[in-house]
PDB file of N, CA and C in Angstrom:
ATOM      1  N   MET A   1     -55.784 -23.250  30.883  1.00  0.00           N
ATOM      2  CA  MET A   1     -54.722 -22.406  31.398  1.00  0.00           C
ATOM      3  C   MET A   1     -54.387 -21.342  30.363  1.00  0.00           C
ATOM      4  N   PRO A   2     -54.797 -20.133  30.605  1.00  0.00           N
ATOM      5  CA  PRO A   2     -54.553 -19.092  29.607  1.00  0.00           C
ATOM      6  C   PRO A   2     -53.094 -18.696  29.459  1.00  0.00           C
ATOM      7  N   GLN A   3     -52.258 -18.998  30.455  1.00  0.00           N
ATOM      8  CA  GLN A   3     -50.866 -18.629  30.334  1.00  0.00           C
ATOM      9  C   GLN A   3     -50.162 -19.437  29.259  1.00  0.00           C
ATOM     10  N   MET A   4     -50.626 -20.661  29.014  1.00  0.00           N
ATOM     11  CA  MET A   4     -49.987 -21.529  28.032  1.00  0.00           C
ATOM     12  C   MET A   4     -50.729 -21.529  26.704  1.00  0.00           C
ATOM     13  N   ALA A   5     -51.633 -20.618  26.507  1.00  0.00           N
ATOM     14  CA  ALA A   5     -52.415 -20.601  25.271  1.00  0.00           C
ATOM     15  C   ALA A   5     -51.556 -20.404  24.035  1.00  0.00           C
ATOM     16  N   PRO A   6     -50.532 -19.558  24.033  1.00  0.00           N
ATOM     17  CA  PRO A   6     -49.735 -19.424  22.801  1.00  0.00           C
ATOM     18  C   PRO A   6     -48.900 -20.653  22.484  1.00  0.00           C
ATOM     19  N   LEU A   7     -48.607 -21.463  23.472  1.00  0.00           N
ATOM     20  CA  LEU A   7     -47.772 -22.646  23.226  1.00  0.00           C
ATOM     21  C   LEU A   7     -48.591 -23.727  22.558  1.00  0.00           C
ATOM     22  N   SER A   8     -47.915 -24.463  21.732  1.00  0.00           N
ATOM     23  CA  SER A   8     -48.546 -25.630  21.142  1.00  0.00           C
ATOM     24  C   SER A   8     -48.413 -26.792  22.125  1.00  0.00           C
ATOM     25  N   TRP A   9     -49.477 -27.522  22.328  1.00  0.00           N
ATOM     26  CA  TRP A   9     -49.440 -28.618  23.303  1.00  0.00           C
ATOM     27  C   TRP A   9     -48.527 -29.735  22.832  1.00  0.00           C
ATOM     28  N   LEU A  10     -48.392 -29.884  21.534  1.00  0.00           N
ATOM     29  CA  LEU A  10     -47.474 -30.890  21.005  1.00  0.00           C
ATOM     30  C   LEU A  10     -46.027 -30.527  21.313  1.00  0.00           C
ATOM     31  N   ASN A  11     -45.675 -29.253  21.150  1.00  0.00           N
ATOM     32  CA  ASN A  11     -44.322 -28.822  21.493  1.00  0.00           C
ATOM     33  C   ASN A  11     -44.051 -28.989  22.974  1.00  0.00           C
ATOM     34  N   LEU A  12     -45.016 -28.711  23.802  1.00  0.00           N
ATOM     35  CA  LEU A  12     -44.873 -28.874  25.236  1.00  0.00           C
ATOM     36  C   LEU A  12     -44.658 -30.330  25.595  1.00  0.00           C
ATOM     37  N   PHE A  13     -45.456 -31.204  24.982  1.00  0.00           N
ATOM     38  CA  PHE A  13     -45.322 -32.647  25.235  1.00  0.00           C
ATOM     39  C   PHE A  13     -43.961 -33.159  24.774  1.00  0.00           C
ATOM     40  N   ILE A  14     -43.518 -32.738  23.602  1.00  0.00           N
ATOM     41  CA  ILE A  14     -42.231 -33.181  23.076  1.00  0.00           C
ATOM     42  C   ILE A  14     -41.090 -32.682  23.968  1.00  0.00           C
ATOM     43  N   SER A  15     -41.197 -31.461  24.451  1.00  0.00           N
ATOM     44  CA  SER A  15     -40.138 -30.944  25.318  1.00  0.00           C
ATOM     45  C   SER A  15     -40.070 -31.723  26.628  1.00  0.00           C
ATOM     46  N   PHE A  16     -41.232 -32.073  27.217  1.00  0.00           N
ATOM     47  CA  PHE A  16     -41.228 -32.846  28.456  1.00  0.00           C
ATOM     48  C   PHE A  16     -40.692 -34.259  28.225  1.00  0.00           C
ATOM     49  N   VAL A  17     -41.041 -34.846  27.105  1.00  0.00           N
ATOM     50  CA  VAL A  17     -40.535 -36.190  26.799  1.00  0.00           C
ATOM     51  C   VAL A  17     -39.026 -36.155  26.584  1.00  0.00           C
ATOM     52  N   MET A  18     -38.544 -35.153  25.896  1.00  0.00           N
ATOM     53  CA  MET A  18     -37.105 -35.040  25.676  1.00  0.00           C
ATOM     54  C   MET A  18     -36.362 -34.796  26.979  1.00  0.00           C
ATOM     55  N   MET A  19     -36.930 -33.973  27.875  1.00  0.00           N
ATOM     56  CA  MET A  19     -36.305 -33.759  29.174  1.00  0.00           C
ATOM     57  C   MET A  19     -36.278 -35.050  29.981  1.00  0.00           C
ATOM     58  N   PHE A  20     -37.351 -35.823  29.915  1.00  0.00           N
ATOM     59  CA  PHE A  20     -37.402 -37.090  30.624  1.00  0.00           C
ATOM     60  C   PHE A  20     -36.373 -38.069  30.084  1.00  0.00           C
ATOM     61  N   MET A  21     -36.251 -38.141  28.760  1.00  0.00           N
ATOM     62  CA  MET A  21     -35.276 -39.056  28.162  1.00  0.00           C
ATOM     63  C   MET A  21     -33.842 -38.643  28.488  1.00  0.00           C
ATOM     64  N   ILE A  22     -33.550 -37.376  28.445  1.00  0.00           N
ATOM     65  CA  ILE A  22     -32.207 -36.906  28.750  1.00  0.00           C
ATOM     66  C   ILE A  22     -31.858 -37.171  30.207  1.00  0.00           C
ATOM     67  N   MET A  23     -32.777 -36.885  31.107  1.00  0.00           N
ATOM     68  CA  MET A  23     -32.509 -37.124  32.537  1.00  0.00           C
ATOM     69  C   MET A  23     -32.390 -38.619  32.821  1.00  0.00           C
ATOM     70  N   SER A  24     -33.167 -39.444  32.155  1.00  0.00           N
ATOM     71  CA  SER A  24     -33.077 -40.881  32.357  1.00  0.00           C
ATOM     72  C   SER A  24     -31.739 -41.431  31.881  1.00  0.00           C
ATOM     73  N   THR A  25     -31.294 -40.987  30.721  1.00  0.00           N
ATOM     74  CA  THR A  25     -30.012 -41.478  30.218  1.00  0.00           C
ATOM     75  C   THR A  25     -28.861 -40.976  31.069  1.00  0.00           C
ATOM     76  N   LEU A  26     -28.923 -39.731  31.537  1.00  0.00           N
ATOM     77  CA  LEU A  26     -27.874 -39.221  32.417  1.00  0.00           C
ATOM     78  C   LEU A  26     -27.850 -39.991  33.720  1.00  0.00           C
ATOM     79  N   ASN A  27     -29.009 -40.306  34.245  1.00  0.00           N
ATOM     80  CA  ASN A  27     -29.091 -41.067  35.483  1.00  0.00           C
ATOM     81  C   ASN A  27     -28.577 -42.489  35.285  1.00  0.00           C
ATOM     82  N   TYR A  28     -28.859 -43.084  34.138  1.00  0.00           N
ATOM     83  CA  TYR A  28     -28.429 -44.452  33.877  1.00  0.00           C
ATOM     84  C   TYR A  28     -26.917 -44.541  33.703  1.00  0.00           C
ATOM     85  N   PHE A  29     -26.336 -43.629  32.959  1.00  0.00           N
ATOM     86  CA  PHE A  29     -24.915 -43.714  32.649  1.00  0.00           C
ATOM     87  C   PHE A  29     -24.019 -43.039  33.682  1.00  0.00           C
ATOM     88  N   SER A  30     -24.581 -42.395  34.675  1.00  0.00           N
ATOM     89  CA  SER A  30     -23.744 -41.701  35.654  1.00  0.00           C
ATOM     90  C   SER A  30     -23.215 -42.630  36.734  1.00  0.00           C
ATOM     91  N   PHE A  31     -23.858 -43.777  36.927  1.00  0.00           N
ATOM     92  CA  PHE A  31     -23.416 -44.716  37.953  1.00  0.00           C
ATOM     93  C   PHE A  31     -22.530 -45.776  37.341  1.00  0.00           C
ATOM     94  N   ASN A  32     -21.524 -46.198  38.100  1.00  0.00           N
ATOM     95  CA  ASN A  32     -20.633 -47.255  37.679  1.00  0.00           C
ATOM     96  C   ASN A  32     -20.779 -48.401  38.682  1.00  0.00           C
ATOM     97  N   TYR A  33     -21.559 -49.381  38.305  1.00  0.00           N
ATOM     98  CA  TYR A  33     -21.809 -50.488  39.200  1.00  0.00           C
ATOM     99  C   TYR A  33     -20.685 -51.508  39.119  1.00  0.00           C
ATOM    100  N   ASP A  34     -20.387 -52.151  40.232  1.00  0.00           N
ATOM    101  CA  ASP A  34     -19.399 -53.209  40.242  1.00  0.00           C
ATOM    102  C   ASP A  34     -19.988 -54.459  39.607  1.00  0.00           C
ATOM    103  N   ASN A  35     -19.135 -55.239  38.984  1.00  0.00           N
ATOM    104  CA  ASN A  35     -19.580 -56.494  38.392  1.00  0.00           C
ATOM    105  C   ASN A  35     -19.827 -57.507  39.489  1.00  0.00           C
ATOM    106  N   PHE A  36     -20.969 -58.148  39.405  1.00  0.00           N
ATOM    107  CA  PHE A  36     -21.274 -59.171  40.388  1.00  0.00           C
ATOM    108  C   PHE A  36     -20.534 -60.480  40.067  1.00  0.00           C
ATOM    109  N   TYR A  37     -20.260 -60.693  38.800  1.00  0.00           N
ATOM    110  CA  TYR A  37     -19.622 -61.918  38.367  1.00  0.00           C
ATOM    111  C   TYR A  37     -18.143 -61.627  38.113  1.00  0.00           C
ATOM    112  N   LYS A  38     -17.419 -61.496  39.182  1.00  0.00           N
ATOM    113  CA  LYS A  38     -15.995 -61.241  39.027  1.00  0.00           C
ATOM    114  C   LYS A  38     -15.261 -62.529  38.714  1.00  0.00           C
ATOM    115  N   ILE A  39     -14.243 -62.401  37.912  1.00  0.00           N
ATOM    116  CA  ILE A  39     -13.468 -63.585  37.530  1.00  0.00           C
ATOM    117  C   ILE A  39     -12.532 -63.911  38.679  1.00  0.00           C
ATOM    118  N   THR A  40     -12.756 -65.050  39.261  1.00  0.00           N
ATOM    119  CA  THR A  40     -11.890 -65.483  40.358  1.00  0.00           C
ATOM    120  C   THR A  40     -11.337 -66.842  40.022  1.00  0.00           C
ATOM    121  N   SER A  41     -10.131 -67.071  40.428  1.00  0.00           N
ATOM    122  CA  SER A  41      -9.547 -68.378  40.181  1.00  0.00           C
ATOM    123  C   SER A  41     -10.053 -69.352  41.249  1.00  0.00           C
ATOM    124  N   LYS A  42     -10.266 -70.568  40.828  1.00  0.00           N
ATOM    125  CA  LYS A  42     -10.738 -71.574  41.773  1.00  0.00           C
ATOM    126  C   LYS A  42      -9.595 -71.989  42.668  1.00  0.00           C
ATOM    127  N   LYS A  43      -9.896 -72.053  43.931  1.00  0.00           N
ATOM    128  CA  LYS A  43      -8.884 -72.463  44.889  1.00  0.00           C
ATOM    129  C   LYS A  43      -8.946 -73.977  45.026  1.00  0.00           C
ATOM    130  N   THR A  44      -7.945 -74.626  44.523  1.00  0.00           N
ATOM    131  CA  THR A  44      -7.880 -76.068  44.640  1.00  0.00           C
ATOM    132  C   THR A  44      -6.911 -76.416  45.750  1.00  0.00           C
ATOM    133  N   HIS A  45      -7.358 -77.256  46.605  1.00  0.00           N
ATOM    134  CA  HIS A  45      -6.542 -77.674  47.739  1.00  0.00           C
ATOM    135  C   HIS A  45      -6.102 -79.105  47.510  1.00  0.00           C
ATOM    136  N   LYS A  46      -4.883 -79.256  47.066  1.00  0.00           N
ATOM    137  CA  LYS A  46      -4.392 -80.601  46.756  1.00  0.00           C
ATOM    138  C   LYS A  46      -3.783 -81.211  48.001  1.00  0.00           C
ATOM    139  N   LEU A  47      -4.149 -82.420  48.233  1.00  0.00           N
ATOM    140  CA  LEU A  47      -3.595 -83.166  49.348  1.00  0.00           C
ATOM    141  C   LEU A  47      -2.735 -84.302  48.823  1.00  0.00           C
ATOM    142  N   ASN A  48      -1.514 -84.336  49.235  1.00  0.00           N
ATOM    143  CA  ASN A  48      -0.636 -85.421  48.860  1.00  0.00           C
ATOM    144  C   ASN A  48      -0.624 -86.445  50.009  1.00  0.00           C
ATOM    145  N   TRP A  49      -1.290 -87.563  49.744  1.00  0.00           N
ATOM    146  CA  TRP A  49      -1.370 -88.584  50.784  1.00  0.00           C
ATOM    147  C   TRP A  49      -0.131 -89.481  50.704  1.00  0.00           C
ATOM    148  N   LYS A  50       0.500 -89.624  51.841  1.00  0.00           N
ATOM    149  CA  LYS A  50       1.665 -90.486  51.910  1.00  0.00           C
ATOM    150  C   LYS A  50       1.325 -91.654  52.823  1.00  0.00           C
ATOM    151  N   TRP A  51       1.307 -92.841  52.247  1.00  0.00           N
ATOM    152  CA  TRP A  51       0.917 -94.008  53.025  1.00  0.00           C
ATOM    153  C   TRP A  51       2.137 -94.633  53.663  1.00  0.00           C
TER     154      TRP A  51
END
């Protein structure tokens, strides 16, 4: 590709890797997922038996 002849291939590779890492981190930290393990109190059902 003669259009990219002045560019260094290492600089091009590093720029693509950095763009990929930045987009991946932005995509990872942009979502706020709900916790699947929510703290819930146990519901105990006490029965008072009267004989």
